[in-house]
Protein backbone atom coordinates (compact mmCIF):
# COMPACT_ATOMS: atom_id res chain seq x y z
CA MET A 1 17.64 43.33 -41.18
CA PRO A 2 13.61 43.18 -41.45
CA HIS A 3 11.58 44.85 -38.91
CA SER A 4 9.95 42.06 -36.36
CA ASP A 5 6.50 43.26 -37.36
CA GLU A 6 7.22 41.94 -41.45
CA VAL A 7 8.67 38.83 -39.95
CA LEU A 8 5.78 38.43 -38.04
CA ALA A 9 3.45 39.29 -41.06
CA HIS A 10 5.39 36.90 -43.09
CA ALA A 11 5.18 33.99 -40.65
CA GLU A 12 1.42 34.82 -40.47
CA GLU A 13 0.77 34.99 -43.93
CA ARG A 14 2.88 31.21 -44.53
CA HIS A 15 1.26 29.90 -42.19
CA HIS A 16 -2.21 30.83 -43.48
CA HIS A 17 -1.39 29.39 -46.97
CA ARG A 18 0.45 25.66 -46.43
CA THR A 19 -0.65 22.99 -47.88
CA VAL A 20 -2.30 20.05 -46.04
CA LYS A 21 -2.49 15.95 -47.27
CA ILE A 22 -6.03 14.92 -46.90
CA TYR A 23 -8.11 12.31 -48.39
CA ILE A 24 -11.35 12.53 -51.18
CA ASP A 25 -12.87 9.34 -51.43
CA ARG A 26 -9.91 7.20 -50.23
CA VAL A 27 -7.50 9.10 -52.50
CA GLU A 28 -4.49 11.07 -51.07
CA LYS A 29 -4.96 14.59 -52.32
CA THR A 30 -2.84 17.87 -51.34
CA SER A 31 -4.80 21.60 -50.96
CA PRO A 32 -4.13 24.51 -49.72
CA THR A 33 -5.41 25.71 -46.35
CA PRO A 34 -7.58 27.78 -45.48
CA THR A 35 -9.66 26.45 -48.70
CA THR A 36 -12.73 26.46 -49.67
CA GLY A 37 -16.17 24.07 -50.38
CA VAL A 38 -16.14 24.67 -54.54
CA ALA A 39 -12.57 24.06 -54.34
CA LEU A 40 -12.63 21.08 -52.62
CA TYR A 41 -15.44 19.99 -54.77
CA ALA A 42 -13.31 20.47 -57.81
CA LEU A 43 -9.78 18.96 -56.18
CA GLY A 44 -11.97 15.63 -56.12
CA PRO A 45 -13.32 15.64 -58.14
CA VAL A 46 -16.68 15.65 -57.37
CA PRO A 47 -19.76 14.67 -59.84
CA ASP A 48 -22.33 17.13 -60.05
CA ASN A 49 -25.34 15.25 -58.92
CA TYR A 50 -23.25 14.32 -55.75
CA VAL A 51 -22.25 16.19 -52.32
CA LEU A 52 -19.11 16.11 -50.47
CA PHE A 53 -18.64 15.08 -46.61
CA HIS A 54 -16.35 15.52 -44.28
CA GLU A 55 -15.99 12.14 -41.99
CA VAL A 56 -16.40 13.37 -38.26
CA GLN A 57 -14.90 11.45 -35.44
CA GLY A 58 -16.63 10.18 -32.85
CA HIS A 59 -20.78 9.09 -32.61
CA ARG A 60 -22.05 12.25 -34.42
CA ASP A 61 -22.90 12.57 -37.65
CA ASP A 62 -20.15 13.33 -40.57
CA GLU A 63 -20.43 17.09 -41.96
CA LEU A 64 -21.80 17.94 -45.24
CA VAL A 65 -19.35 20.51 -47.26
CA PRO A 66 -21.13 23.46 -48.91
CA LYS A 67 -20.31 24.00 -52.31
CA THR A 68 -19.30 27.48 -51.69
CA GLU A 69 -16.54 30.37 -51.39
CA ALA A 70 -16.59 30.29 -47.44
CA PRO A 71 -13.49 29.52 -45.76
CA ILE A 72 -12.91 26.21 -45.12
CA HIS A 73 -9.28 25.00 -42.31
CA LEU A 74 -8.12 21.77 -43.30
CA THR A 75 -5.92 20.03 -40.73
CA GLU A 76 -3.49 16.92 -41.94
CA TRP A 77 -4.65 13.56 -42.96
CA GLU A 78 -8.38 14.96 -42.89
CA HIS A 79 -10.77 12.45 -44.86
CA PHE A 80 -13.77 12.68 -47.28
CA TYR A 81 -16.09 11.76 -49.16
CA SER A 82 -18.36 12.00 -51.93
CA ALA A 83 -22.39 10.46 -52.09
CA GLN A 84 -25.30 11.01 -54.56
CA GLY A 85 -26.82 14.66 -54.00
CA LYS A 86 -30.19 12.44 -53.64
CA LEU A 87 -31.09 8.78 -53.26
CA ASN A 88 -34.02 7.61 -54.24
CA PRO A 89 -34.22 3.95 -52.88
CA GLY A 90 -36.30 1.58 -55.27
CA SER A 91 -36.28 3.75 -58.20
CA ALA A 92 -36.01 1.94 -61.50
CA ALA A 93 -33.75 4.40 -62.84
């Protein structure tokens, strides 16, 4: 029988590498958690000239997801959306 510390370590490892269902641009995706901004941009996929936002509940601004390797802890059914990185209203292009 495994030592109780080994069982606990295995349970923590399994917990830290579980997968969750999320939405990116209204499309259901499956992602490991924790993940990174780089991985979420790739999962989207989010075009190079776009940025990714995490929808926040309540009367707060949605959060920009940085395109970095920093860990991001996800919860089930979180919503993300992409938007152009630089908007130029009135531009001819």
